[in-house]
N, C-alpha and C. Protein backbone atom coordinates (compact mmCIF):
# COMPACT_ATOMS: atom_id res chain seq x y z
N MET A 1 0.84 -1.17 0.00
CA MET A 1 0.00 0.00 0.00
C MET A 1 0.88 1.23 0.00
N LYS A 2 0.65 2.13 -0.95
CA LYS A 2 1.45 3.33 -1.09
C LYS A 2 1.01 4.38 -0.08
N MET A 3 1.96 4.92 0.65
CA MET A 3 1.66 5.96 1.63
C MET A 3 1.86 7.32 0.96
N HIS A 4 0.92 8.19 1.16
CA HIS A 4 1.02 9.55 0.64
C HIS A 4 1.48 10.46 1.76
N LYS A 5 2.46 11.27 1.45
CA LYS A 5 2.97 12.21 2.44
C LYS A 5 2.03 13.41 2.55
N LYS A 6 1.72 13.79 3.78
CA LYS A 6 0.85 14.94 4.00
C LYS A 6 1.68 16.22 3.91
N LYS A 7 1.05 17.24 3.34
CA LYS A 7 1.68 18.56 3.19
C LYS A 7 0.75 19.62 3.76
N GLN A 8 1.32 20.77 4.03
CA GLN A 8 0.53 21.92 4.48
C GLN A 8 0.03 22.68 3.25
N TYR A 9 -1.24 23.05 3.28
CA TYR A 9 -1.85 23.84 2.22
C TYR A 9 -2.56 25.03 2.87
N ARG A 10 -2.64 26.13 2.11
CA ARG A 10 -3.34 27.31 2.60
C ARG A 10 -4.38 27.73 1.56
N TYR A 11 -5.65 27.68 1.99
CA TYR A 11 -6.73 28.17 1.12
C TYR A 11 -6.53 29.66 0.86
N SER A 12 -7.11 30.15 -0.21
CA SER A 12 -7.03 31.59 -0.53
C SER A 12 -7.67 32.43 0.57
N SER A 13 -8.53 31.82 1.39
CA SER A 13 -9.17 32.52 2.51
C SER A 13 -8.23 32.66 3.71
N GLY A 14 -7.09 31.94 3.66
CA GLY A 14 -6.13 31.98 4.76
C GLY A 14 -6.16 30.75 5.65
N GLU A 15 -7.22 29.96 5.58
CA GLU A 15 -7.30 28.73 6.38
C GLU A 15 -6.25 27.75 5.89
N THR A 16 -5.71 26.98 6.82
CA THR A 16 -4.70 25.98 6.46
C THR A 16 -5.21 24.58 6.74
N LEU A 17 -4.59 23.62 6.07
CA LEU A 17 -4.89 22.22 6.33
C LEU A 17 -3.67 21.39 5.99
N GLU A 18 -3.62 20.23 6.58
CA GLU A 18 -2.58 19.26 6.27
C GLU A 18 -3.28 18.10 5.58
N ALA A 19 -2.80 17.75 4.39
CA ALA A 19 -3.48 16.72 3.61
C ALA A 19 -2.53 16.03 2.65
N ASP A 20 -2.94 14.83 2.25
CA ASP A 20 -2.24 14.14 1.17
C ASP A 20 -3.15 14.16 -0.06
N VAL A 21 -2.71 13.54 -1.12
CA VAL A 21 -3.47 13.56 -2.38
C VAL A 21 -4.87 12.98 -2.21
N GLU A 22 -4.97 11.88 -1.50
CA GLU A 22 -6.29 11.27 -1.30
C GLU A 22 -7.21 12.19 -0.49
N ASP A 23 -6.66 12.86 0.52
CA ASP A 23 -7.45 13.82 1.29
C ASP A 23 -7.94 14.94 0.38
N LEU A 24 -7.05 15.43 -0.49
CA LEU A 24 -7.43 16.52 -1.40
C LEU A 24 -8.56 16.10 -2.34
N LYS A 25 -8.48 14.87 -2.84
CA LYS A 25 -9.53 14.37 -3.73
C LYS A 25 -10.87 14.30 -3.00
N CYS A 26 -10.84 13.82 -1.76
CA CYS A 26 -12.06 13.72 -0.95
C CYS A 26 -12.62 15.12 -0.66
N LEU A 27 -11.74 16.03 -0.28
CA LEU A 27 -12.18 17.40 0.00
C LEU A 27 -12.74 18.07 -1.25
N LEU A 28 -12.16 17.80 -2.39
CA LEU A 28 -12.67 18.37 -3.63
C LEU A 28 -14.09 17.88 -3.89
N ARG A 29 -14.31 16.58 -3.75
CA ARG A 29 -15.67 16.04 -3.95
C ARG A 29 -16.66 16.69 -2.98
N GLU A 30 -16.29 16.76 -1.70
CA GLU A 30 -17.18 17.33 -0.70
C GLU A 30 -17.49 18.80 -0.96
N ASN A 31 -16.44 19.58 -1.24
CA ASN A 31 -16.64 21.00 -1.47
C ASN A 31 -17.40 21.27 -2.75
N GLN A 32 -17.19 20.45 -3.79
CA GLN A 32 -17.96 20.60 -5.03
C GLN A 32 -19.43 20.31 -4.77
N GLU A 33 -19.69 19.32 -3.93
CA GLU A 33 -21.07 18.99 -3.57
C GLU A 33 -21.73 20.15 -2.81
N TYR A 34 -21.01 20.73 -1.85
CA TYR A 34 -21.54 21.89 -1.13
C TYR A 34 -21.83 23.04 -2.08
N LEU A 35 -20.88 23.31 -2.99
CA LEU A 35 -21.07 24.38 -3.96
C LEU A 35 -22.30 24.12 -4.82
N ASP A 36 -22.42 22.91 -5.33
CA ASP A 36 -23.58 22.57 -6.17
C ASP A 36 -24.89 22.74 -5.40
N ASN A 37 -24.90 22.33 -4.13
CA ASN A 37 -26.11 22.47 -3.31
C ASN A 37 -26.49 23.93 -3.11
N TYR A 38 -25.50 24.78 -2.82
CA TYR A 38 -25.81 26.21 -2.65
C TYR A 38 -26.24 26.85 -3.96
N LEU A 39 -25.64 26.43 -5.07
CA LEU A 39 -26.06 26.97 -6.37
C LEU A 39 -27.50 26.56 -6.67
N ASP A 40 -27.85 25.31 -6.37
CA ASP A 40 -29.23 24.85 -6.57
C ASP A 40 -30.19 25.63 -5.68
N LEU A 41 -29.81 25.80 -4.42
CA LEU A 41 -30.65 26.54 -3.48
C LEU A 41 -30.85 27.97 -3.95
N TYR A 42 -29.77 28.62 -4.36
CA TYR A 42 -29.84 30.02 -4.80
C TYR A 42 -30.73 30.15 -6.03
N GLY A 43 -30.62 29.18 -6.93
CA GLY A 43 -31.42 29.21 -8.15
C GLY A 43 -32.89 28.95 -7.90
N SER A 44 -33.23 28.31 -6.79
CA SER A 44 -34.63 27.96 -6.53
C SER A 44 -35.34 28.95 -5.60
N LEU A 45 -34.59 29.91 -5.04
CA LEU A 45 -35.23 30.86 -4.12
C LEU A 45 -36.16 31.80 -4.87
N GLU A 46 -37.30 32.00 -4.32
CA GLU A 46 -38.26 32.96 -4.85
C GLU A 46 -38.41 34.06 -3.82
N ASP A 47 -38.81 35.24 -4.26
CA ASP A 47 -38.97 36.36 -3.34
C ASP A 47 -39.99 36.08 -2.25
N ASP A 48 -40.93 35.18 -2.51
CA ASP A 48 -41.99 34.94 -1.53
C ASP A 48 -41.73 33.71 -0.67
N GLU A 49 -40.50 33.19 -0.68
CA GLU A 49 -40.18 32.06 0.19
C GLU A 49 -39.82 32.58 1.57
N TYR A 50 -40.77 32.57 2.44
CA TYR A 50 -40.58 33.08 3.79
C TYR A 50 -40.85 31.99 4.81
N VAL A 51 -40.29 32.17 5.97
CA VAL A 51 -40.52 31.26 7.08
C VAL A 51 -41.02 32.10 8.24
N ALA A 52 -42.14 31.71 8.82
CA ALA A 52 -42.70 32.47 9.94
C ALA A 52 -41.84 32.27 11.18
N ARG A 53 -41.61 33.37 11.89
CA ARG A 53 -40.90 33.30 13.16
C ARG A 53 -41.93 33.26 14.28
N GLY A 54 -41.53 32.83 15.44
CA GLY A 54 -42.43 32.72 16.57
C GLY A 54 -42.97 34.05 17.06
N ASN A 55 -42.33 35.16 16.70
CA ASN A 55 -42.78 36.46 17.17
C ASN A 55 -43.80 37.11 16.24
N GLY A 56 -44.28 36.37 15.26
CA GLY A 56 -45.31 36.89 14.37
C GLY A 56 -44.76 37.53 13.10
N PHE A 57 -43.47 37.76 13.06
CA PHE A 57 -42.88 38.35 11.87
C PHE A 57 -42.45 37.23 10.92
N CYS A 58 -42.28 37.57 9.68
CA CYS A 58 -41.80 36.61 8.70
C CYS A 58 -40.42 37.04 8.23
N ASP A 59 -39.62 36.06 7.95
CA ASP A 59 -38.27 36.30 7.48
C ASP A 59 -37.94 35.27 6.41
N ARG A 60 -37.03 35.62 5.53
CA ARG A 60 -36.55 34.61 4.58
C ARG A 60 -35.74 33.60 5.35
N LYS A 61 -35.85 32.36 4.97
CA LYS A 61 -35.09 31.31 5.64
C LYS A 61 -33.59 31.51 5.43
N TYR A 62 -33.20 31.87 4.23
CA TYR A 62 -31.80 32.13 3.91
C TYR A 62 -31.72 33.49 3.24
N SER A 63 -30.76 34.30 3.65
CA SER A 63 -30.59 35.59 2.99
C SER A 63 -29.76 35.40 1.73
N ASP A 64 -29.99 36.25 0.76
CA ASP A 64 -29.19 36.19 -0.47
C ASP A 64 -27.72 36.37 -0.14
N ASP A 65 -27.42 37.30 0.78
CA ASP A 65 -26.02 37.55 1.14
C ASP A 65 -25.35 36.31 1.71
N PHE A 66 -26.07 35.58 2.57
CA PHE A 66 -25.51 34.37 3.16
C PHE A 66 -25.20 33.35 2.07
N ILE A 67 -26.17 33.10 1.20
CA ILE A 67 -25.98 32.09 0.15
C ILE A 67 -24.88 32.51 -0.81
N GLU A 68 -24.86 33.79 -1.20
CA GLU A 68 -23.81 34.27 -2.09
C GLU A 68 -22.44 34.12 -1.44
N GLY A 69 -22.37 34.36 -0.13
CA GLY A 69 -21.11 34.17 0.59
C GLY A 69 -20.66 32.73 0.60
N GLN A 70 -21.61 31.82 0.80
CA GLN A 70 -21.28 30.39 0.79
C GLN A 70 -20.84 29.94 -0.61
N ILE A 71 -21.49 30.44 -1.63
CA ILE A 71 -21.11 30.11 -3.00
C ILE A 71 -19.69 30.58 -3.27
N ALA A 72 -19.38 31.81 -2.89
CA ALA A 72 -18.03 32.34 -3.09
C ALA A 72 -16.99 31.52 -2.32
N LYS A 73 -17.32 31.18 -1.08
CA LYS A 73 -16.40 30.39 -0.24
C LYS A 73 -16.10 29.03 -0.87
N TYR A 74 -17.14 28.30 -1.25
CA TYR A 74 -16.92 26.97 -1.80
C TYR A 74 -16.35 27.01 -3.21
N ARG A 75 -16.69 28.03 -3.99
CA ARG A 75 -16.10 28.16 -5.32
C ARG A 75 -14.58 28.36 -5.19
N ALA A 76 -14.16 29.20 -4.25
CA ALA A 76 -12.73 29.44 -4.03
C ALA A 76 -12.04 28.17 -3.54
N ARG A 77 -12.68 27.45 -2.62
CA ARG A 77 -12.09 26.20 -2.12
C ARG A 77 -11.92 25.18 -3.23
N VAL A 78 -12.93 25.04 -4.07
CA VAL A 78 -12.86 24.09 -5.18
C VAL A 78 -11.70 24.46 -6.11
N GLU A 79 -11.55 25.74 -6.41
CA GLU A 79 -10.45 26.18 -7.28
C GLU A 79 -9.10 25.91 -6.63
N ASP A 80 -8.97 26.20 -5.32
CA ASP A 80 -7.72 25.90 -4.61
C ASP A 80 -7.40 24.41 -4.68
N LEU A 81 -8.39 23.58 -4.37
CA LEU A 81 -8.18 22.13 -4.37
C LEU A 81 -7.80 21.61 -5.75
N LYS A 82 -8.45 22.09 -6.79
CA LYS A 82 -8.12 21.68 -8.15
C LYS A 82 -6.68 22.07 -8.49
N SER A 83 -6.30 23.27 -8.08
CA SER A 83 -4.94 23.75 -8.34
C SER A 83 -3.91 22.88 -7.63
N TRP A 84 -4.17 22.56 -6.36
CA TRP A 84 -3.23 21.72 -5.60
C TRP A 84 -3.11 20.33 -6.21
N LEU A 85 -4.24 19.77 -6.62
CA LEU A 85 -4.20 18.43 -7.23
C LEU A 85 -3.45 18.45 -8.57
N ALA A 86 -3.61 19.52 -9.33
CA ALA A 86 -2.88 19.64 -10.60
C ALA A 86 -1.38 19.72 -10.34
N GLU A 87 -0.98 20.44 -9.29
CA GLU A 87 0.43 20.53 -8.92
C GLU A 87 0.98 19.17 -8.51
N GLU A 88 0.18 18.38 -7.81
CA GLU A 88 0.63 17.07 -7.34
C GLU A 88 0.83 16.09 -8.50
N LYS A 89 0.13 16.30 -9.61
CA LYS A 89 0.24 15.41 -10.77
C LYS A 89 1.53 15.65 -11.54
N ARG A 90 2.14 16.82 -11.36
CA ARG A 90 3.36 17.16 -12.10
C ARG A 90 4.55 16.43 -11.57
């Protein structure tokens, strides 16, 4: 069984992780899935999708800003991971 050496990586957001190639592949799949889910959610939101709060007021379940922030976060992570994996193939 081939052992992969773990290396330090730094996301463009500044967060760091220690991973090997297999970890990077797994993280890429997970982060791509998160990105796809947020893109689907963002595409399906309608202006009238509200959730009632216990105090009688209504609020959107997810704000556009929150979802856009998550999309940007996961899009950047996916790009970082793809870049690192491409470097490892060289």
